Amino acid sequence: MRTELVTGSDVEAALDEWAAVYATDPVATPFVSPAWARAWMHRWSPKAQPWVLMVRDGSRLAGLAPLTLRRYGALRVLGLLGKEPGDYWDVIAAPDDARA
């Protein structure tokens, strides 16, 4: 497996793959859905830069971790995309891929 970082406007292009993995995760809540991510990025936190870690098994997306990068003065803080009021803090993956 390999990990790739998707940032900025490239996240929009990855939302279809995100939706496919999200649909296979039986414990994922709406707060980690690609639709929530899009709305949250545009309305709740427009200054946060999306940083989505995508884990691939070959070319297949096996899982992802939706994160954001924000600036607080001189500090850069990596946090969870959709946090507040979100309620799910884990990677998004199908059950067979989650452990890997």
N, C-alpha and C. Protein backbone atom coordinates (compact mmCIF):
# COMPACT_ATOMS: atom_id res chain seq x y z
N MET A 1 0.85 -1.17 0.00
CA MET A 1 0.00 0.00 0.00
C MET A 1 0.89 1.23 0.00
N ARG A 2 0.37 2.27 -0.60
CA ARG A 2 1.09 3.54 -0.62
C ARG A 2 0.14 4.67 -0.24
N THR A 3 0.69 5.73 0.28
CA THR A 3 -0.10 6.88 0.71
C THR A 3 0.21 8.07 -0.17
N GLU A 4 -0.82 8.79 -0.55
CA GLU A 4 -0.63 10.02 -1.31
C GLU A 4 -1.37 11.14 -0.59
N LEU A 5 -0.84 12.34 -0.70
CA LEU A 5 -1.45 13.51 -0.11
C LEU A 5 -2.17 14.30 -1.19
N VAL A 6 -3.45 14.57 -0.98
CA VAL A 6 -4.24 15.37 -1.91
C VAL A 6 -4.59 16.66 -1.17
N THR A 7 -4.27 17.79 -1.78
CA THR A 7 -4.49 19.07 -1.12
C THR A 7 -5.23 20.04 -2.03
N GLY A 8 -5.69 21.12 -1.40
CA GLY A 8 -6.28 22.23 -2.13
C GLY A 8 -7.41 21.82 -3.06
N SER A 9 -7.39 22.39 -4.25
CA SER A 9 -8.46 22.16 -5.22
C SER A 9 -8.46 20.73 -5.76
N ASP A 10 -7.38 19.98 -5.59
CA ASP A 10 -7.34 18.58 -6.04
C ASP A 10 -8.30 17.70 -5.24
N VAL A 11 -8.68 18.14 -4.05
CA VAL A 11 -9.61 17.36 -3.23
C VAL A 11 -10.96 17.22 -3.95
N GLU A 12 -11.38 18.28 -4.61
CA GLU A 12 -12.66 18.24 -5.34
C GLU A 12 -12.67 17.09 -6.36
N ALA A 13 -11.55 16.88 -7.04
CA ALA A 13 -11.46 15.81 -8.04
C ALA A 13 -11.46 14.42 -7.40
N ALA A 14 -11.13 14.34 -6.12
CA ALA A 14 -11.06 13.05 -5.43
C ALA A 14 -12.37 12.67 -4.73
N LEU A 15 -13.38 13.52 -4.78
CA LEU A 15 -14.61 13.27 -4.03
C LEU A 15 -15.38 12.04 -4.50
N ASP A 16 -15.33 11.71 -5.78
CA ASP A 16 -16.04 10.51 -6.25
C ASP A 16 -15.42 9.24 -5.66
N GLU A 17 -14.09 9.17 -5.66
CA GLU A 17 -13.42 8.01 -5.05
C GLU A 17 -13.71 7.97 -3.55
N TRP A 18 -13.68 9.13 -2.92
CA TRP A 18 -13.98 9.24 -1.49
C TRP A 18 -15.37 8.68 -1.23
N ALA A 19 -16.34 9.04 -2.07
CA ALA A 19 -17.71 8.57 -1.90
C ALA A 19 -17.79 7.05 -1.98
N ALA A 20 -17.02 6.45 -2.88
CA ALA A 20 -17.04 5.00 -3.04
C ALA A 20 -16.51 4.31 -1.79
N VAL A 21 -15.44 4.82 -1.21
CA VAL A 21 -14.88 4.22 0.02
C VAL A 21 -15.80 4.49 1.20
N TYR A 22 -16.33 5.68 1.29
CA TYR A 22 -17.26 6.04 2.36
C TYR A 22 -18.46 5.08 2.39
N ALA A 23 -18.96 4.72 1.22
CA ALA A 23 -20.12 3.83 1.12
C ALA A 23 -19.82 2.43 1.65
N THR A 24 -18.55 2.04 1.71
CA THR A 24 -18.20 0.69 2.18
C THR A 24 -17.88 0.64 3.67
N ASP A 25 -17.77 1.81 4.32
CA ASP A 25 -17.41 1.85 5.74
C ASP A 25 -18.68 1.84 6.58
N PRO A 26 -18.97 0.73 7.27
CA PRO A 26 -20.25 0.61 7.97
C PRO A 26 -20.38 1.49 9.20
N VAL A 27 -19.30 2.05 9.72
CA VAL A 27 -19.40 2.88 10.93
C VAL A 27 -19.17 4.37 10.65
N ALA A 28 -18.88 4.72 9.41
CA ALA A 28 -18.68 6.13 9.07
C ALA A 28 -19.99 6.90 9.17
N THR A 29 -19.91 8.08 9.72
CA THR A 29 -21.10 8.92 9.87
C THR A 29 -21.16 9.94 8.73
N PRO A 30 -22.26 10.66 8.61
CA PRO A 30 -22.34 11.70 7.57
C PRO A 30 -21.27 12.77 7.70
N PHE A 31 -20.67 12.92 8.88
CA PHE A 31 -19.67 13.95 9.08
C PHE A 31 -18.33 13.65 8.42
N VAL A 32 -18.17 12.48 7.84
CA VAL A 32 -16.96 12.18 7.05
C VAL A 32 -17.30 11.88 5.60
N SER A 33 -18.51 12.20 5.20
CA SER A 33 -18.91 11.99 3.81
C SER A 33 -18.28 13.07 2.93
N PRO A 34 -18.11 12.79 1.65
CA PRO A 34 -17.58 13.82 0.76
C PRO A 34 -18.52 15.02 0.63
N ALA A 35 -19.81 14.79 0.74
CA ALA A 35 -20.76 15.92 0.67
C ALA A 35 -20.57 16.85 1.88
N TRP A 36 -20.40 16.27 3.06
CA TRP A 36 -20.14 17.08 4.25
C TRP A 36 -18.80 17.82 4.10
N ALA A 37 -17.79 17.14 3.59
CA ALA A 37 -16.48 17.77 3.42
C ALA A 37 -16.58 18.99 2.51
N ARG A 38 -17.28 18.85 1.42
CA ARG A 38 -17.45 19.98 0.49
C ARG A 38 -18.15 21.14 1.17
N ALA A 39 -19.25 20.87 1.85
CA ALA A 39 -19.99 21.94 2.52
C ALA A 39 -19.17 22.56 3.65
N TRP A 40 -18.51 21.73 4.42
CA TRP A 40 -17.72 22.22 5.55
C TRP A 40 -16.58 23.10 5.08
N MET A 41 -15.88 22.67 4.03
CA MET A 41 -14.76 23.45 3.52
C MET A 41 -15.22 24.82 3.02
N HIS A 42 -16.37 24.87 2.38
CA HIS A 42 -16.83 26.12 1.79
C HIS A 42 -17.53 27.04 2.79
N ARG A 43 -18.24 26.46 3.74
CA ARG A 43 -19.07 27.28 4.64
C ARG A 43 -18.53 27.42 6.06
N TRP A 44 -18.03 26.33 6.62
CA TRP A 44 -17.63 26.35 8.02
C TRP A 44 -16.20 26.80 8.22
N SER A 45 -15.34 26.44 7.30
CA SER A 45 -13.93 26.72 7.51
C SER A 45 -13.23 27.04 6.19
N PRO A 46 -13.59 28.14 5.56
CA PRO A 46 -13.03 28.44 4.24
C PRO A 46 -11.53 28.74 4.26
N LYS A 47 -10.96 29.06 5.42
CA LYS A 47 -9.52 29.35 5.48
C LYS A 47 -8.68 28.10 5.73
N ALA A 48 -9.31 26.99 6.05
CA ALA A 48 -8.57 25.74 6.25
C ALA A 48 -8.24 25.13 4.89
N GLN A 49 -7.02 24.66 4.74
CA GLN A 49 -6.61 23.99 3.50
C GLN A 49 -6.83 22.50 3.68
N PRO A 50 -7.61 21.85 2.81
CA PRO A 50 -7.82 20.41 2.96
C PRO A 50 -6.53 19.64 2.67
N TRP A 51 -6.27 18.67 3.51
CA TRP A 51 -5.15 17.73 3.36
C TRP A 51 -5.75 16.35 3.53
N VAL A 52 -5.93 15.63 2.46
CA VAL A 52 -6.55 14.31 2.53
C VAL A 52 -5.49 13.26 2.22
N LEU A 53 -5.22 12.41 3.20
CA LEU A 53 -4.29 11.30 3.00
C LEU A 53 -5.07 10.14 2.40
N MET A 54 -4.68 9.73 1.20
CA MET A 54 -5.37 8.65 0.52
C MET A 54 -4.43 7.44 0.47
N VAL A 55 -4.94 6.30 0.91
CA VAL A 55 -4.14 5.08 0.94
C VAL A 55 -4.61 4.18 -0.19
N ARG A 56 -3.67 3.79 -1.04
CA ARG A 56 -4.01 2.98 -2.21
C ARG A 56 -3.37 1.61 -2.13
N ASP A 57 -4.12 0.64 -2.59
CA ASP A 57 -3.64 -0.72 -2.79
C ASP A 57 -3.59 -0.90 -4.30
N GLY A 58 -2.42 -0.70 -4.88
CA GLY A 58 -2.33 -0.60 -6.33
C GLY A 58 -2.96 0.72 -6.74
N SER A 59 -3.90 0.67 -7.66
CA SER A 59 -4.59 1.89 -8.07
C SER A 59 -5.90 2.09 -7.31
N ARG A 60 -6.32 1.08 -6.55
CA ARG A 60 -7.59 1.12 -5.82
C ARG A 60 -7.45 1.92 -4.53
N LEU A 61 -8.38 2.84 -4.29
CA LEU A 61 -8.40 3.58 -3.04
C LEU A 61 -8.91 2.65 -1.94
N ALA A 62 -8.06 2.39 -0.93
CA ALA A 62 -8.42 1.49 0.15
C ALA A 62 -8.94 2.24 1.38
N GLY A 63 -8.51 3.48 1.55
CA GLY A 63 -8.95 4.26 2.69
C GLY A 63 -8.43 5.68 2.62
N LEU A 64 -8.92 6.51 3.52
CA LEU A 64 -8.44 7.89 3.53
C LEU A 64 -8.63 8.51 4.91
N ALA A 65 -7.85 9.53 5.15
CA ALA A 65 -7.95 10.31 6.38
C ALA A 65 -8.17 11.77 5.99
N PRO A 66 -9.36 12.31 6.23
CA PRO A 66 -9.65 13.70 5.85
C PRO A 66 -9.13 14.67 6.91
N LEU A 67 -8.14 15.45 6.54
CA LEU A 67 -7.51 16.39 7.46
C LEU A 67 -7.54 17.80 6.86
N THR A 68 -7.19 18.79 7.66
CA THR A 68 -7.04 20.15 7.19
C THR A 68 -5.79 20.76 7.80
N LEU A 69 -5.24 21.74 7.10
CA LEU A 69 -4.11 22.50 7.60
C LEU A 69 -4.59 23.94 7.78
N ARG A 70 -4.36 24.46 8.98
CA ARG A 70 -4.76 25.85 9.28
C ARG A 70 -3.56 26.59 9.85
N ARG A 71 -3.60 27.87 9.67
CA ARG A 71 -2.58 28.75 10.25
C ARG A 71 -3.16 29.50 11.43
N TYR A 72 -2.40 29.52 12.50
CA TYR A 72 -2.70 30.33 13.67
C TYR A 72 -1.46 31.15 13.95
N GLY A 73 -1.41 32.35 13.38
CA GLY A 73 -0.20 33.16 13.48
C GLY A 73 0.93 32.45 12.76
N ALA A 74 2.02 32.20 13.46
CA ALA A 74 3.18 31.53 12.86
C ALA A 74 3.05 30.00 12.89
N LEU A 75 2.04 29.49 13.55
CA LEU A 75 1.86 28.05 13.67
C LEU A 75 1.03 27.49 12.53
N ARG A 76 1.37 26.29 12.12
CA ARG A 76 0.54 25.52 11.20
C ARG A 76 0.02 24.32 11.97
N VAL A 77 -1.29 24.11 11.95
CA VAL A 77 -1.92 23.06 12.75
C VAL A 77 -2.68 22.12 11.83
N LEU A 78 -2.36 20.83 11.94
CA LEU A 78 -3.06 19.81 11.18
C LEU A 78 -4.20 19.29 12.06
N GLY A 79 -5.42 19.32 11.52
CA GLY A 79 -6.59 18.89 12.28
C GLY A 79 -7.50 18.03 11.43
N LEU A 80 -8.65 17.73 11.97
CA LEU A 80 -9.61 16.86 11.29
C LEU A 80 -10.60 17.67 10.49
N LEU A 81 -10.80 17.29 9.25
CA LEU A 81 -11.78 17.95 8.40
C LEU A 81 -13.17 17.61 8.89
N GLY A 82 -13.99 18.62 9.05
CA GLY A 82 -15.36 18.40 9.49
C GLY A 82 -15.54 18.40 10.99
N LYS A 83 -14.45 18.52 11.73
CA LYS A 83 -14.57 18.53 13.18
C LYS A 83 -15.40 19.73 13.59
N GLU A 84 -16.20 19.49 14.62
CA GLU A 84 -17.08 20.51 15.14
C GLU A 84 -18.06 20.96 14.09
N PRO A 85 -19.12 20.29 13.95
CA PRO A 85 -19.77 19.42 14.91
C PRO A 85 -19.63 17.93 14.62
N GLY A 86 -18.64 17.51 13.84
CA GLY A 86 -18.49 16.11 13.48
C GLY A 86 -18.35 15.18 14.67
N ASP A 87 -18.55 13.89 14.43
CA ASP A 87 -18.53 12.93 15.54
C ASP A 87 -17.83 11.61 15.19
N TYR A 88 -16.96 11.60 14.21
CA TYR A 88 -16.30 10.35 13.80
C TYR A 88 -14.84 10.66 13.56
N TRP A 89 -13.95 10.10 14.32
CA TRP A 89 -12.53 10.45 14.21
C TRP A 89 -11.70 9.21 13.95
N ASP A 90 -11.81 8.69 12.77
CA ASP A 90 -11.04 7.53 12.36
C ASP A 90 -10.85 7.62 10.85
N VAL A 91 -10.02 6.74 10.31
CA VAL A 91 -9.87 6.70 8.86
C VAL A 91 -11.16 6.15 8.27
N ILE A 92 -11.36 6.41 7.00
CA ILE A 92 -12.52 5.90 6.29
C ILE A 92 -12.01 4.74 5.43
N ALA A 93 -12.57 3.57 5.62
CA ALA A 93 -12.10 2.40 4.88
C ALA A 93 -13.14 1.28 4.95
N ALA A 94 -13.09 0.42 3.97
CA ALA A 94 -13.92 -0.78 4.01
C ALA A 94 -13.40 -1.66 5.15
N PRO A 95 -14.26 -2.49 5.76
CA PRO A 95 -13.82 -3.33 6.88
C PRO A 95 -12.58 -4.17 6.57
N ASP A 96 -12.49 -4.71 5.36
CA ASP A 96 -11.32 -5.53 5.02
C ASP A 96 -10.03 -4.73 4.89
N ASP A 97 -10.15 -3.44 4.66
CA ASP A 97 -8.97 -2.59 4.48
C ASP A 97 -8.61 -1.79 5.72
N ALA A 98 -9.49 -1.66 6.66
CA ALA A 98 -9.28 -0.77 7.82
C ALA A 98 -8.04 -1.15 8.63
N ARG A 99 -7.84 -2.39 8.88
CA ARG A 99 -6.71 -2.82 9.70
C ARG A 99 -5.38 -2.53 9.02
N ALA A 100 -5.33 -2.75 7.70
CA ALA A 100 -4.09 -2.51 6.97
C ALA A 100 -3.77 -1.02 6.95
